[in-house]
N, C-alpha and C. Protein backbone atom coordinates (compact mmCIF):
# COMPACT_ATOMS: atom_id res chain seq x y z
N MET A 1 -15.91 -50.79 -60.72
CA MET A 1 -17.10 -49.85 -60.56
C MET A 1 -18.13 -50.27 -61.46
N SER A 2 -19.34 -50.44 -60.98
CA SER A 2 -20.49 -50.85 -61.62
C SER A 2 -20.89 -49.71 -62.74
N SER A 3 -21.76 -50.16 -63.72
CA SER A 3 -22.14 -49.21 -64.73
C SER A 3 -23.09 -48.25 -64.15
N SER A 4 -23.99 -48.71 -63.08
CA SER A 4 -24.99 -47.85 -62.44
C SER A 4 -24.25 -46.81 -61.67
N SER A 5 -23.06 -47.12 -61.01
CA SER A 5 -22.27 -46.07 -60.18
C SER A 5 -21.79 -45.07 -61.22
N SER A 6 -21.29 -45.49 -62.50
CA SER A 6 -20.76 -44.63 -63.48
C SER A 6 -21.73 -43.60 -63.88
N ALA A 7 -23.04 -44.27 -64.10
CA ALA A 7 -24.11 -43.36 -64.55
C ALA A 7 -24.39 -42.42 -63.58
N ALA A 8 -24.46 -42.71 -62.27
CA ALA A 8 -24.69 -41.76 -61.21
C ALA A 8 -23.70 -40.65 -61.08
N ASP A 9 -22.41 -41.05 -61.27
CA ASP A 9 -21.35 -40.11 -61.28
C ASP A 9 -21.57 -39.03 -62.45
N GLN A 10 -21.93 -39.57 -63.53
CA GLN A 10 -21.99 -38.68 -64.73
C GLN A 10 -23.29 -37.56 -64.52
N THR A 11 -24.27 -37.96 -63.72
CA THR A 11 -25.39 -37.07 -63.64
C THR A 11 -25.40 -36.33 -62.49
N ARG A 12 -24.50 -36.65 -61.47
CA ARG A 12 -24.41 -35.85 -60.32
C ARG A 12 -23.65 -34.45 -60.60
N PRO A 13 -24.39 -33.44 -60.15
CA PRO A 13 -23.82 -32.04 -60.50
C PRO A 13 -22.53 -31.86 -59.88
N ALA A 14 -21.65 -31.21 -60.69
CA ALA A 14 -20.31 -30.90 -60.19
C ALA A 14 -20.32 -29.80 -59.10
N ARG A 15 -19.45 -30.19 -58.10
CA ARG A 15 -19.41 -29.21 -56.99
C ARG A 15 -18.67 -27.95 -57.28
N THR A 16 -19.21 -26.87 -56.89
CA THR A 16 -18.40 -25.57 -57.13
C THR A 16 -17.53 -25.47 -55.94
N GLY A 17 -16.24 -24.92 -56.35
CA GLY A 17 -15.30 -24.66 -55.33
C GLY A 17 -15.70 -23.43 -54.37
N ARG A 18 -14.86 -23.15 -53.30
CA ARG A 18 -15.20 -22.10 -52.47
C ARG A 18 -15.55 -20.74 -53.18
N HIS A 19 -14.83 -20.64 -54.25
CA HIS A 19 -14.90 -19.31 -55.06
C HIS A 19 -15.78 -19.37 -56.26
N GLY A 20 -16.33 -20.67 -56.49
CA GLY A 20 -17.16 -20.83 -57.67
C GLY A 20 -18.55 -20.21 -57.38
N TRP A 21 -19.23 -19.71 -58.52
CA TRP A 21 -20.40 -19.09 -58.41
C TRP A 21 -21.50 -20.22 -58.57
N ARG A 22 -22.59 -20.32 -57.66
CA ARG A 22 -23.79 -21.08 -57.84
C ARG A 22 -24.84 -20.34 -58.41
N VAL A 23 -25.95 -21.01 -58.96
CA VAL A 23 -27.06 -20.38 -59.53
C VAL A 23 -27.68 -19.35 -58.54
N VAL A 24 -27.66 -19.87 -57.32
CA VAL A 24 -28.34 -18.98 -56.24
C VAL A 24 -27.52 -17.64 -56.00
N ASP A 25 -26.18 -17.74 -56.11
CA ASP A 25 -25.33 -16.74 -56.04
C ASP A 25 -25.58 -15.63 -57.11
N ILE A 26 -25.88 -16.18 -58.34
CA ILE A 26 -26.06 -15.21 -59.48
C ILE A 26 -27.57 -14.54 -59.35
N VAL A 27 -28.51 -15.27 -58.82
CA VAL A 27 -29.83 -14.76 -58.71
C VAL A 27 -29.84 -13.72 -57.56
N VAL A 28 -29.17 -13.98 -56.48
CA VAL A 28 -29.27 -13.14 -55.33
C VAL A 28 -28.50 -11.86 -55.68
N ALA A 29 -27.38 -12.03 -56.35
CA ALA A 29 -26.52 -10.87 -56.74
C ALA A 29 -27.25 -9.90 -57.64
N ALA A 30 -27.95 -10.55 -58.62
CA ALA A 30 -28.88 -9.78 -59.40
C ALA A 30 -29.96 -9.03 -58.78
N VAL A 31 -30.50 -9.67 -57.79
CA VAL A 31 -31.59 -8.99 -56.92
C VAL A 31 -31.11 -7.82 -56.15
N LEU A 32 -30.02 -8.11 -55.61
CA LEU A 32 -29.19 -7.05 -54.90
C LEU A 32 -28.90 -5.94 -55.77
N ALA A 33 -28.43 -6.12 -56.98
CA ALA A 33 -27.92 -5.13 -57.83
C ALA A 33 -29.21 -4.35 -58.22
N VAL A 34 -30.25 -4.80 -58.58
CA VAL A 34 -31.56 -4.03 -58.91
C VAL A 34 -31.95 -3.24 -57.81
N ALA A 35 -31.89 -3.79 -56.55
CA ALA A 35 -32.34 -3.06 -55.38
C ALA A 35 -31.44 -1.81 -55.05
N VAL A 36 -30.14 -2.17 -55.28
CA VAL A 36 -29.08 -0.95 -55.03
C VAL A 36 -29.34 0.08 -56.18
N GLY A 37 -29.46 -0.41 -57.43
CA GLY A 37 -29.70 0.53 -58.40
C GLY A 37 -30.88 1.42 -58.15
N LEU A 38 -31.86 0.89 -57.62
CA LEU A 38 -33.02 1.77 -57.24
C LEU A 38 -32.58 2.70 -56.11
N ILE A 39 -31.90 2.23 -55.23
CA ILE A 39 -31.28 3.28 -54.12
C ILE A 39 -30.38 4.40 -54.93
N PHE A 40 -29.68 4.01 -55.77
CA PHE A 40 -28.89 4.88 -56.43
C PHE A 40 -29.79 6.06 -57.13
N TRP A 41 -30.77 5.50 -57.76
CA TRP A 41 -31.71 6.44 -58.50
C TRP A 41 -32.45 7.47 -57.49
N LEU A 42 -32.81 6.82 -56.35
CA LEU A 42 -33.50 7.77 -55.40
C LEU A 42 -32.38 8.79 -54.68
N TRP A 43 -31.22 8.28 -54.67
CA TRP A 43 -30.27 9.20 -54.05
C TRP A 43 -29.73 10.20 -54.99
N ASN A 44 -29.96 10.07 -56.31
CA ASN A 44 -29.50 11.08 -57.25
C ASN A 44 -29.88 12.46 -56.91
N ALA A 45 -31.23 12.59 -56.62
CA ALA A 45 -31.62 14.05 -56.28
C ALA A 45 -31.07 14.40 -54.91
N ALA A 46 -31.28 13.68 -53.76
CA ALA A 46 -30.88 14.13 -52.55
C ALA A 46 -29.41 14.21 -52.42
N GLY A 47 -28.66 13.31 -52.82
CA GLY A 47 -27.20 13.24 -52.86
C GLY A 47 -26.63 14.33 -53.66
N GLY A 48 -27.27 14.55 -54.93
CA GLY A 48 -26.87 15.56 -55.71
C GLY A 48 -26.86 16.93 -55.14
N ALA A 49 -28.07 17.20 -54.32
CA ALA A 49 -28.24 18.42 -53.71
C ALA A 49 -27.20 18.54 -52.53
N TRP A 50 -27.03 17.53 -51.77
CA TRP A 50 -26.00 17.53 -50.75
C TRP A 50 -24.60 17.79 -51.32
N TYR A 51 -24.34 17.18 -52.32
CA TYR A 51 -23.02 17.32 -53.03
C TYR A 51 -22.76 18.79 -53.50
N GLY A 52 -23.70 19.38 -54.00
CA GLY A 52 -23.74 20.71 -54.34
C GLY A 52 -23.55 21.66 -53.34
N ALA A 53 -24.31 21.47 -52.18
CA ALA A 53 -24.17 22.30 -51.02
C ALA A 53 -22.78 22.29 -50.43
N MET A 54 -22.22 20.95 -50.25
CA MET A 54 -20.98 20.89 -49.56
C MET A 54 -19.84 21.41 -50.57
N SER A 55 -19.98 21.15 -51.76
CA SER A 55 -18.99 21.80 -52.81
C SER A 55 -18.94 23.34 -52.73
N ALA A 56 -20.14 23.93 -52.57
CA ALA A 56 -20.27 25.43 -52.49
C ALA A 56 -19.40 25.92 -51.22
N LEU A 57 -19.45 25.16 -50.05
CA LEU A 57 -18.67 25.63 -49.04
C LEU A 57 -17.18 25.50 -49.15
N THR A 58 -16.71 24.39 -49.70
CA THR A 58 -15.32 24.10 -50.09
C THR A 58 -15.26 23.19 -51.21
N PRO A 59 -14.62 23.58 -52.28
CA PRO A 59 -14.52 22.65 -53.41
C PRO A 59 -13.82 21.29 -53.07
N GLY A 60 -14.56 20.22 -53.44
CA GLY A 60 -13.96 18.94 -53.12
C GLY A 60 -14.73 18.31 -51.89
N LEU A 61 -15.37 19.12 -51.07
CA LEU A 61 -16.10 18.74 -49.93
C LEU A 61 -17.32 17.80 -50.31
N GLY A 62 -17.80 17.99 -51.52
CA GLY A 62 -19.01 17.20 -51.93
C GLY A 62 -18.85 15.75 -51.86
N GLY A 63 -17.54 15.29 -51.85
CA GLY A 63 -17.31 13.87 -51.76
C GLY A 63 -17.86 13.34 -50.44
N LEU A 64 -18.24 13.96 -49.49
CA LEU A 64 -18.98 13.46 -48.26
C LEU A 64 -20.28 12.90 -48.62
N ALA A 65 -20.96 13.31 -49.78
CA ALA A 65 -22.20 12.77 -50.16
C ALA A 65 -22.18 11.67 -51.09
N THR A 66 -21.05 11.20 -51.47
CA THR A 66 -20.92 10.11 -52.51
C THR A 66 -21.12 8.71 -52.09
N GLY A 67 -20.97 8.52 -50.82
CA GLY A 67 -20.78 7.12 -50.33
C GLY A 67 -21.93 6.23 -50.72
N ILE A 68 -23.13 6.60 -50.73
CA ILE A 68 -24.40 5.90 -51.08
C ILE A 68 -24.20 5.18 -52.54
N TRP A 69 -23.60 5.93 -53.46
CA TRP A 69 -23.33 5.47 -54.78
C TRP A 69 -22.27 4.36 -54.74
N TYR A 70 -21.55 4.08 -53.70
CA TYR A 70 -20.54 3.07 -53.66
C TYR A 70 -21.05 1.79 -52.94
N LEU A 71 -22.30 1.71 -52.57
CA LEU A 71 -22.83 0.71 -51.76
C LEU A 71 -22.76 -0.67 -52.33
N GLY A 72 -22.98 -0.72 -53.66
CA GLY A 72 -23.17 -1.96 -54.34
C GLY A 72 -21.99 -2.90 -54.14
N GLY A 73 -20.77 -2.42 -54.40
CA GLY A 73 -19.54 -3.18 -54.10
C GLY A 73 -19.44 -3.79 -52.85
N PRO A 74 -19.41 -3.05 -51.67
CA PRO A 74 -19.28 -3.64 -50.40
C PRO A 74 -20.38 -4.63 -49.97
N LEU A 75 -21.66 -4.25 -50.54
CA LEU A 75 -22.71 -5.08 -50.13
C LEU A 75 -22.63 -6.46 -50.97
N GLY A 76 -22.42 -6.36 -52.25
CA GLY A 76 -22.33 -7.62 -53.03
C GLY A 76 -21.20 -8.47 -52.59
N GLY A 77 -20.09 -7.90 -52.26
CA GLY A 77 -18.95 -8.66 -51.77
C GLY A 77 -19.28 -9.24 -50.45
N GLN A 78 -19.88 -8.54 -49.47
CA GLN A 78 -20.15 -9.00 -48.13
C GLN A 78 -21.25 -10.13 -48.20
N VAL A 79 -22.23 -10.02 -49.09
CA VAL A 79 -23.21 -11.01 -49.11
C VAL A 79 -22.85 -12.33 -49.83
N ILE A 80 -22.32 -12.07 -51.08
CA ILE A 80 -22.05 -13.23 -51.92
C ILE A 80 -20.74 -13.89 -51.54
N ARG A 81 -19.75 -13.09 -51.23
CA ARG A 81 -18.39 -13.59 -50.79
C ARG A 81 -17.76 -14.50 -51.77
N LYS A 82 -17.77 -13.96 -53.01
CA LYS A 82 -17.09 -14.79 -54.21
C LYS A 82 -16.43 -13.68 -55.06
N PRO A 83 -15.27 -14.02 -55.63
CA PRO A 83 -14.55 -13.17 -56.57
C PRO A 83 -15.50 -12.65 -57.67
N GLY A 84 -15.49 -11.31 -57.93
CA GLY A 84 -16.31 -10.71 -58.86
C GLY A 84 -17.69 -10.16 -58.44
N ALA A 85 -18.03 -10.55 -57.24
CA ALA A 85 -19.45 -10.18 -56.65
C ALA A 85 -19.47 -8.68 -56.45
N ALA A 86 -18.41 -7.98 -55.99
CA ALA A 86 -18.46 -6.57 -55.75
C ALA A 86 -18.65 -5.86 -57.13
N VAL A 87 -17.87 -6.23 -58.10
CA VAL A 87 -17.86 -5.55 -59.47
C VAL A 87 -19.31 -5.88 -60.12
N PHE A 88 -19.80 -7.04 -59.96
CA PHE A 88 -21.08 -7.47 -60.56
C PHE A 88 -22.16 -6.63 -59.98
N VAL A 89 -22.32 -6.50 -58.77
CA VAL A 89 -23.39 -5.71 -58.03
C VAL A 89 -23.40 -4.31 -58.34
N GLU A 90 -22.21 -3.74 -58.21
CA GLU A 90 -22.06 -2.30 -58.46
C GLU A 90 -22.27 -1.97 -59.92
N LEU A 91 -21.74 -2.71 -60.82
CA LEU A 91 -21.88 -2.42 -62.19
C LEU A 91 -23.31 -2.53 -62.70
N VAL A 92 -23.99 -3.65 -62.28
CA VAL A 92 -25.39 -3.74 -62.65
C VAL A 92 -26.24 -2.83 -62.04
N ALA A 93 -26.00 -2.45 -60.74
CA ALA A 93 -26.73 -1.35 -60.19
C ALA A 93 -26.54 -0.02 -60.98
N ALA A 94 -25.41 0.22 -61.40
CA ALA A 94 -25.19 1.45 -62.20
C ALA A 94 -26.04 1.44 -63.51
N LEU A 95 -26.02 0.19 -64.04
CA LEU A 95 -26.84 -0.07 -65.37
C LEU A 95 -28.28 0.19 -65.12
N VAL A 96 -28.75 -0.18 -63.95
CA VAL A 96 -30.17 -0.11 -63.54
C VAL A 96 -30.41 1.48 -63.32
N SER A 97 -29.54 2.17 -62.63
CA SER A 97 -29.75 3.63 -62.42
C SER A 97 -29.73 4.34 -63.76
N THR A 98 -28.84 3.96 -64.69
CA THR A 98 -28.77 4.48 -66.03
C THR A 98 -29.95 4.20 -66.90
N ALA A 99 -30.59 3.01 -66.77
CA ALA A 99 -31.67 2.67 -67.58
C ALA A 99 -32.94 3.53 -67.06
N ILE A 100 -33.12 3.66 -65.78
CA ILE A 100 -34.12 4.43 -65.36
C ILE A 100 -34.09 5.88 -65.73
N GLY A 101 -32.86 6.40 -65.62
CA GLY A 101 -32.58 7.79 -65.89
C GLY A 101 -31.96 8.53 -65.02
N ASN A 102 -30.85 9.10 -65.28
CA ASN A 102 -30.07 10.07 -64.31
C ASN A 102 -29.32 11.12 -65.01
N GLN A 103 -28.71 11.95 -64.29
CA GLN A 103 -28.13 13.22 -65.08
C GLN A 103 -26.75 12.90 -65.53
N TRP A 104 -26.16 11.68 -65.33
CA TRP A 104 -24.84 11.38 -65.86
C TRP A 104 -24.89 10.45 -66.98
N GLY A 105 -25.96 9.96 -67.39
CA GLY A 105 -25.96 9.07 -68.50
C GLY A 105 -25.06 7.84 -68.50
N ILE A 106 -24.51 7.51 -69.65
CA ILE A 106 -23.71 6.37 -69.83
C ILE A 106 -22.32 6.41 -69.05
N THR A 107 -21.90 7.58 -68.54
CA THR A 107 -20.76 7.59 -67.83
C THR A 107 -20.85 6.88 -66.41
N THR A 108 -22.20 6.71 -66.03
CA THR A 108 -22.40 6.03 -64.76
C THR A 108 -21.93 4.58 -64.78
N LEU A 109 -21.81 3.97 -66.00
CA LEU A 109 -21.19 2.74 -66.05
C LEU A 109 -19.78 2.62 -65.76
N THR A 110 -19.05 3.59 -66.25
CA THR A 110 -17.68 3.49 -65.97
C THR A 110 -17.47 3.75 -64.52
N SER A 111 -18.31 4.62 -63.87
CA SER A 111 -18.23 4.84 -62.40
C SER A 111 -18.39 3.57 -61.68
N GLY A 112 -19.44 2.81 -62.15
CA GLY A 112 -19.78 1.62 -61.40
C GLY A 112 -18.71 0.53 -61.49
N LEU A 113 -18.01 0.51 -62.65
CA LEU A 113 -16.89 -0.28 -62.90
C LEU A 113 -15.74 -0.14 -61.98
N PHE A 114 -15.32 1.19 -61.86
CA PHE A 114 -14.24 1.64 -61.06
C PHE A 114 -14.67 1.37 -59.69
N GLN A 115 -15.81 1.70 -59.16
CA GLN A 115 -16.17 1.60 -57.82
C GLN A 115 -16.23 0.17 -57.35
N GLY A 116 -16.68 -0.67 -58.31
CA GLY A 116 -16.75 -2.12 -58.05
C GLY A 116 -15.44 -2.74 -57.81
N LEU A 117 -14.58 -2.39 -58.88
CA LEU A 117 -13.17 -2.73 -58.86
C LEU A 117 -12.32 -2.37 -57.41
N GLY A 118 -12.73 -1.13 -57.07
CA GLY A 118 -11.96 -0.68 -55.88
C GLY A 118 -12.46 -1.46 -54.58
N ALA A 119 -13.80 -1.79 -54.52
CA ALA A 119 -14.19 -2.59 -53.42
C ALA A 119 -13.78 -4.05 -53.53
N GLY A 120 -13.72 -4.63 -54.81
CA GLY A 120 -13.40 -6.01 -54.85
C GLY A 120 -11.87 -6.20 -54.51
N LEU A 121 -11.05 -5.20 -54.97
CA LEU A 121 -9.70 -5.36 -54.72
C LEU A 121 -9.44 -5.54 -53.16
N VAL A 122 -10.17 -4.80 -52.29
CA VAL A 122 -10.02 -4.98 -50.96
C VAL A 122 -10.17 -6.35 -50.37
N PHE A 123 -11.46 -6.79 -50.83
CA PHE A 123 -11.73 -8.23 -50.61
C PHE A 123 -10.70 -9.25 -51.07
N ALA A 124 -10.19 -9.00 -52.30
CA ALA A 124 -9.23 -9.81 -52.88
C ALA A 124 -7.89 -9.88 -52.09
N LEU A 125 -7.58 -8.56 -51.56
CA LEU A 125 -6.32 -8.55 -50.71
C LEU A 125 -6.40 -9.33 -49.50
N PHE A 126 -7.69 -9.75 -49.03
CA PHE A 126 -7.90 -10.48 -47.87
C PHE A 126 -8.12 -11.85 -48.19
N ARG A 127 -8.01 -12.17 -49.68
CA ARG A 127 -8.01 -13.47 -50.12
C ARG A 127 -9.55 -14.10 -49.93
N TYR A 128 -10.48 -13.32 -49.91
CA TYR A 128 -11.77 -13.67 -49.74
C TYR A 128 -12.15 -14.57 -48.58
N ARG A 129 -11.38 -14.24 -47.48
CA ARG A 129 -11.49 -14.98 -46.24
C ARG A 129 -11.77 -14.32 -44.86
N VAL A 130 -11.63 -12.85 -45.02
CA VAL A 130 -11.89 -11.93 -43.89
C VAL A 130 -13.05 -11.07 -44.26
N TRP A 131 -14.23 -11.18 -43.52
CA TRP A 131 -15.30 -10.50 -43.72
C TRP A 131 -15.84 -9.68 -42.61
N SER A 132 -14.90 -9.11 -41.81
CA SER A 132 -15.17 -8.44 -40.64
C SER A 132 -15.62 -7.00 -41.06
N LEU A 133 -16.12 -6.19 -39.94
CA LEU A 133 -16.55 -4.90 -40.27
C LEU A 133 -15.49 -3.97 -40.83
N PRO A 134 -14.34 -3.98 -40.17
CA PRO A 134 -13.22 -3.21 -40.73
C PRO A 134 -12.87 -3.42 -42.18
N VAL A 135 -12.88 -4.77 -42.54
CA VAL A 135 -12.55 -5.06 -44.02
C VAL A 135 -13.75 -4.49 -44.92
N THR A 136 -15.02 -4.68 -44.52
CA THR A 136 -16.14 -4.15 -45.28
C THR A 136 -16.11 -2.56 -45.41
N MET A 137 -15.83 -1.94 -44.33
CA MET A 137 -15.53 -0.54 -44.41
C MET A 137 -14.32 -0.19 -45.37
N LEU A 138 -13.31 -0.94 -45.25
CA LEU A 138 -12.33 -0.66 -46.06
C LEU A 138 -12.60 -0.86 -47.60
N ALA A 139 -13.44 -1.82 -47.76
CA ALA A 139 -14.01 -2.08 -49.22
C ALA A 139 -14.77 -0.81 -49.62
N GLY A 140 -15.59 -0.14 -48.73
CA GLY A 140 -16.28 1.07 -49.07
C GLY A 140 -15.33 2.13 -49.38
N ALA A 141 -14.23 2.33 -48.67
CA ALA A 141 -13.13 3.16 -48.98
C ALA A 141 -12.49 2.87 -50.19
N GLY A 142 -12.23 1.65 -50.55
CA GLY A 142 -11.72 1.28 -51.86
C GLY A 142 -12.60 1.64 -52.90
N ALA A 143 -13.91 1.49 -52.81
CA ALA A 143 -14.80 1.97 -53.90
C ALA A 143 -14.69 3.52 -53.98
N GLY A 144 -14.61 4.37 -52.89
CA GLY A 144 -14.42 5.66 -52.99
C GLY A 144 -13.19 6.16 -53.83
N VAL A 145 -12.04 5.40 -53.61
CA VAL A 145 -10.79 5.56 -54.35
C VAL A 145 -10.99 5.35 -55.71
N GLY A 146 -11.74 4.20 -56.15
CA GLY A 146 -12.02 3.81 -57.52
C GLY A 146 -12.82 5.07 -58.23
N ALA A 147 -13.83 5.51 -57.52
CA ALA A 147 -14.48 6.63 -57.98
C ALA A 147 -13.66 7.81 -58.29
N TRP A 148 -12.82 8.16 -57.32
CA TRP A 148 -12.08 9.24 -57.32
C TRP A 148 -10.99 9.04 -58.72
N LEU A 149 -10.50 7.89 -58.89
CA LEU A 149 -9.64 7.71 -60.02
C LEU A 149 -10.40 7.76 -61.33
N ASN A 150 -11.64 7.32 -61.36
CA ASN A 150 -12.52 7.38 -62.45
C ASN A 150 -12.74 8.92 -62.89
N GLU A 151 -13.22 9.72 -61.92
CA GLU A 151 -13.44 11.09 -62.25
C GLU A 151 -12.18 11.80 -62.38
N LEU A 152 -11.05 11.36 -62.03
CA LEU A 152 -9.89 12.05 -62.26
C LEU A 152 -9.54 12.26 -63.75
N PHE A 153 -10.02 11.27 -64.61
CA PHE A 153 -9.65 11.22 -65.91
C PHE A 153 -10.86 11.08 -66.93
N ILE A 154 -12.05 10.84 -66.31
CA ILE A 154 -13.13 10.64 -67.23
C ILE A 154 -14.36 11.55 -66.90
N GLY A 155 -15.01 12.03 -67.80
CA GLY A 155 -16.10 13.05 -67.57
C GLY A 155 -15.98 14.23 -68.49
N THR A 156 -16.98 14.99 -68.42
CA THR A 156 -16.95 16.21 -69.41
C THR A 156 -15.97 17.12 -68.99
N THR A 157 -15.63 17.15 -67.59
CA THR A 157 -14.62 17.96 -66.98
C THR A 157 -13.82 17.15 -66.17
N PRO A 158 -12.79 16.42 -66.66
CA PRO A 158 -11.91 15.64 -65.61
C PRO A 158 -11.43 16.27 -64.52
N ASN A 159 -11.51 15.62 -63.37
CA ASN A 159 -10.97 16.39 -62.08
C ASN A 159 -9.47 16.73 -62.10
N ILE A 160 -8.81 16.14 -62.94
CA ILE A 160 -7.26 16.41 -63.08
C ILE A 160 -7.09 17.89 -63.43
N THR A 161 -8.04 18.56 -64.07
CA THR A 161 -7.88 19.86 -64.48
C THR A 161 -8.27 20.88 -63.34
N LEU A 162 -8.72 20.34 -62.17
CA LEU A 162 -9.17 21.23 -61.11
C LEU A 162 -8.18 21.55 -60.06
N GLY A 163 -7.00 20.93 -60.10
CA GLY A 163 -5.91 21.28 -59.33
C GLY A 163 -5.71 20.28 -58.19
N LEU A 164 -4.55 20.44 -57.57
CA LEU A 164 -4.11 19.54 -56.50
C LEU A 164 -5.01 19.66 -55.24
N ALA A 165 -5.34 20.89 -54.83
CA ALA A 165 -6.06 20.98 -53.48
C ALA A 165 -7.46 20.49 -53.64
N TYR A 166 -8.07 20.61 -54.81
CA TYR A 166 -9.47 20.10 -54.99
C TYR A 166 -9.36 18.55 -54.87
N ASN A 167 -8.51 17.99 -55.64
CA ASN A 167 -8.48 16.54 -55.75
C ASN A 167 -7.97 15.87 -54.37
N ALA A 168 -7.17 16.46 -53.64
CA ALA A 168 -6.66 16.01 -52.24
C ALA A 168 -7.97 16.01 -51.38
N ILE A 169 -8.65 17.14 -51.31
CA ILE A 169 -9.87 17.14 -50.41
C ILE A 169 -10.86 16.15 -50.93
N TYR A 170 -11.09 16.10 -52.27
CA TYR A 170 -12.09 15.15 -52.79
C TYR A 170 -11.70 13.64 -52.50
N LEU A 171 -10.51 13.28 -52.56
CA LEU A 171 -10.08 12.10 -52.27
C LEU A 171 -10.45 11.65 -50.86
N VAL A 172 -9.99 12.46 -50.00
CA VAL A 172 -10.22 12.30 -48.45
C VAL A 172 -11.70 12.11 -48.19
N THR A 173 -12.56 13.09 -48.60
CA THR A 173 -13.97 13.02 -48.36
C THR A 173 -14.54 11.74 -49.12
N ASN A 174 -14.01 11.35 -50.29
CA ASN A 174 -14.67 10.19 -50.87
C ASN A 174 -14.32 8.96 -50.01
N ILE A 175 -13.22 8.82 -49.43
CA ILE A 175 -12.84 7.82 -48.58
C ILE A 175 -13.69 7.64 -47.33
N ILE A 176 -13.82 8.87 -46.76
CA ILE A 176 -14.59 8.98 -45.41
C ILE A 176 -15.98 8.49 -45.79
N SER A 177 -16.59 8.97 -46.90
CA SER A 177 -18.03 8.66 -47.14
C SER A 177 -18.15 7.30 -47.52
N GLY A 178 -16.99 6.78 -48.30
CA GLY A 178 -17.10 5.33 -48.57
C GLY A 178 -17.03 4.44 -47.35
N LEU A 179 -16.31 4.79 -46.33
CA LEU A 179 -16.12 4.06 -45.23
C LEU A 179 -17.47 3.87 -44.41
N LEU A 180 -18.12 5.08 -44.39
CA LEU A 180 -19.37 5.10 -43.61
C LEU A 180 -20.73 4.77 -44.30
N LEU A 181 -20.89 5.44 -45.45
CA LEU A 181 -22.21 5.29 -46.13
C LEU A 181 -22.20 4.14 -47.01
N ALA A 182 -21.00 3.48 -47.44
CA ALA A 182 -21.03 2.41 -48.21
C ALA A 182 -20.61 1.12 -47.32
N GLY A 183 -19.31 1.19 -46.64
CA GLY A 183 -18.86 -0.01 -45.90
C GLY A 183 -19.68 -0.31 -44.75
N LEU A 184 -19.82 0.71 -43.88
CA LEU A 184 -20.63 0.51 -42.65
C LEU A 184 -22.09 0.02 -42.94
N LEU A 185 -22.70 0.80 -43.93
CA LEU A 185 -24.10 0.51 -44.31
C LEU A 185 -24.25 -0.84 -44.98
N ALA A 186 -23.23 -1.28 -45.66
CA ALA A 186 -23.38 -2.59 -46.19
C ALA A 186 -23.27 -3.66 -45.23
N TRP A 187 -22.46 -3.46 -44.08
CA TRP A 187 -22.42 -4.38 -43.03
C TRP A 187 -23.73 -4.46 -42.41
N VAL A 188 -24.44 -3.37 -42.01
CA VAL A 188 -25.54 -3.16 -41.25
C VAL A 188 -26.57 -4.09 -42.12
N ILE A 189 -26.74 -3.65 -43.49
CA ILE A 189 -27.70 -4.30 -44.25
C ILE A 189 -27.63 -5.91 -44.24
N THR A 190 -26.34 -6.35 -44.48
CA THR A 190 -26.12 -7.76 -44.35
C THR A 190 -26.56 -8.41 -43.26
N ARG A 191 -26.23 -7.86 -42.10
CA ARG A 191 -26.63 -8.38 -40.78
C ARG A 191 -28.10 -8.40 -40.63
N ALA A 192 -28.79 -7.27 -41.18
CA ALA A 192 -30.24 -7.18 -41.09
C ALA A 192 -30.84 -8.34 -41.88
N LEU A 193 -30.28 -8.56 -43.20
CA LEU A 193 -30.84 -9.65 -44.05
C LEU A 193 -30.61 -11.02 -43.57
N ALA A 194 -29.48 -11.25 -42.79
CA ALA A 194 -29.21 -12.50 -42.21
C ALA A 194 -30.16 -12.82 -41.11
N ARG A 195 -30.57 -11.85 -40.37
CA ARG A 195 -31.53 -12.05 -39.25
C ARG A 195 -32.98 -12.49 -39.77
N THR A 196 -33.33 -12.17 -41.06
CA THR A 196 -34.54 -12.40 -41.52
C THR A 196 -34.49 -14.02 -42.21
N GLY A 197 -33.34 -14.47 -42.25
CA GLY A 197 -33.13 -15.81 -42.90
C GLY A 197 -32.96 -15.93 -44.23
N ALA A 198 -32.93 -14.66 -44.85
CA ALA A 198 -32.80 -14.74 -46.29
C ALA A 198 -31.42 -15.11 -46.93
N LEU A 199 -30.46 -15.10 -46.02
CA LEU A 199 -29.17 -15.42 -46.40
C LEU A 199 -28.73 -16.88 -45.85
N ASN A 200 -29.63 -17.67 -45.55
CA ASN A 200 -29.27 -18.96 -44.89
C ASN A 200 -28.45 -19.97 -45.83
N ARG A 201 -28.55 -19.61 -47.15
CA ARG A 201 -27.76 -20.55 -48.01
C ARG A 201 -26.40 -19.95 -48.49
N PHE A 202 -26.05 -18.79 -47.61
CA PHE A 202 -24.78 -18.10 -47.79
C PHE A 202 -23.85 -18.20 -46.65
N ALA A 203 -22.66 -18.09 -46.82
CA ALA A 203 -21.68 -18.05 -45.65
C ALA A 203 -21.98 -16.84 -44.82
N SER A 204 -22.43 -15.72 -45.51
CA SER A 204 -22.61 -14.47 -44.73
C SER A 204 -23.90 -14.64 -43.75
N GLY A 205 -24.82 -15.48 -44.23
CA GLY A 205 -25.99 -15.64 -43.35
C GLY A 205 -25.72 -16.65 -42.16
N ARG A 206 -24.88 -17.65 -42.41
CA ARG A 206 -24.47 -18.60 -41.39
C ARG A 206 -23.62 -17.87 -40.43
N ALA A 207 -22.71 -16.95 -40.93
CA ALA A 207 -21.77 -16.27 -39.96
C ALA A 207 -22.57 -15.47 -39.11
N ALA A 208 -23.38 -14.72 -39.50
CA ALA A 208 -24.25 -13.74 -38.80
C ALA A 208 -25.11 -14.40 -37.76
């Protein structure tokens, strides 16, 4: 091998594997996270009011309003399609919402972590190979389960103190809301972004 070939090999950037993160992945994930964080912040008032109205009808029914807060995980996972993307986008979005200001303060970060982990676990179960609508909706449901687990033990009044009936209803409504307001919406947004050409450097854009 010539010395010129060796020098070229040393200067050639290493290829990232299918699961490795590129610079463009990090940048786009960060942009998505900021955008989703702004959506969270805007939803805090409307979603909070809806949550209160539903809970007044039946304790635990407020979970129907929570799905928008789970959007980051399914959306980040669906767009970036790399391990950790769901957690990254959901957690950074929660940080943005907290920095702007919301009624839950720093506990928003633990919510973001649990929700991102719940969505990410679903994508991991399919080995980051299946990105269909049903899987994305399941990721939204997973985020809802993560949120339910977080609130079961963390907060000023942990939900575990509220009884079995409340927590059963809240779990079911969280899952329903996650399926529709997080998973389905993430799928629709990804397809819309792909049609603009914004995701041409991603597998999600090429697939769409």
